[in-house]
Amino acid sequence: MGNVLVRTHHFIMRNVQRTLLANRYYNWYVFSRKLSRRWEDELSVHYAQGNRTMDDRKTVVFLCNGFVENGGWADRLKGILSTYLVCKEQSIPFRLLFTYPFNLTDYLVPNAYDWRIFPEDVIFEQPYSDILTLEIGEESDYQARKQYELISEQIARSEACQIHVCTNAHFCYRADFAALFNELFRPSEHLLPSIERLKDVLGDDYISLSGRFINSLGDFVDTQQGEPLPANLKQQLIDACLDQLERLHSKHPNKRILINSDSITFLSAVQELDYTYVIPGKVLHLDTAPADANYQLYEKTFLDYFMIANASAVYRLETQWMHSSGFPYSAAKIYDKPFHSIKF
């Protein structure tokens, strides 16, 4: 009887493992490739058949030029750094065309590696340019390995002059994220004085707390727009977040808490507390650009990012009604700061 039970257990476990592997394969290949094909279709309409001389050079160009919705800053950045990592390994020149919804060089400029390219030097002609798109789902180790394999193989195999990449692949998180970021970027001369002024305000020892509500509180326009919560649940969510904020303050009573959020409602509530600080400015998603965009409109995104990065510890609120934002996680990694997710 015992042997029968053991064999039955092994049979069940093998089937469970097959199911998990099948689901993992589905999440990787079917789901991610379906999303990626949508990006590829949106990109393809901008290309024509060309007639030029093919040369031996191969350059990878990461596109953030408005042809597709690249996501918020954290999504764009992890795709940029993941692609740059592969280019470094294969000794292929890497360029970044980041012109939508702003020119990235207004805020970040090349540091140790010059990634700039003029728009007129980008070849939107086939077969001289290849398109490589990869939009991901879950951020698992398995996904990271598959993303790395796919992007590495396609870049190595391409014989085009330029390989145009659109991805939010996250395998850079499994590499030296800080080194990759700091090789590519440093604050512009326009942005740096504002960062220094905020350092004077917050001092050298503060912590940060971030909460991304998307549209749960009904006050933020996002590409992932959902229905707002009913009024009573909105208040319950705000109260629960304020409770977690108070608990965090009790653990760090002598430290100022920098608050970052996509919800004006939540930011207004925390600004009443004397131990919090909110960087002034408008909150908006990079894929929902208004027609009257200007430098000041997007400066807060980068000020939030660098000031989170300079905090002594980084915290993120996480509930079923909130998004597990990659923004504070990414910021914590550029200077290797401790990161904690508060689930409640």
Foldseek 3Di string as FASTA:
>chain_A
DVVVVVVVVVVVVVVVVVVVVVVVCCQQPVVFVVVQVVLVVLLLVQAEADDDDFDQAEEEEEDQDLSDCQWFPLLSLLQQLLLVVLCVVVVHHAAYDRPAPHGCLQWKAFAQHHRYDDPVPDHRHPPQEAEAETEHDDDDPVNLVVVSVVSNVVSVPDRHRYYYYRYSRRNCVVPLLQVSDNNGIDTHPNLVVVLVVVCVVFDQAAAEEEFEQQCQVPAADDPVDDDHDPPVVNVVVLVVVVVVVVVVCVVVVPHAYEYYYLDPVSVVVCVVDPRYDYDDAHHHGRSVDDPPDDDRNCSSLVSVLQVLLSYQEYEYEDEPSTDPDCRSVSSVSNNVHHYYYDYD
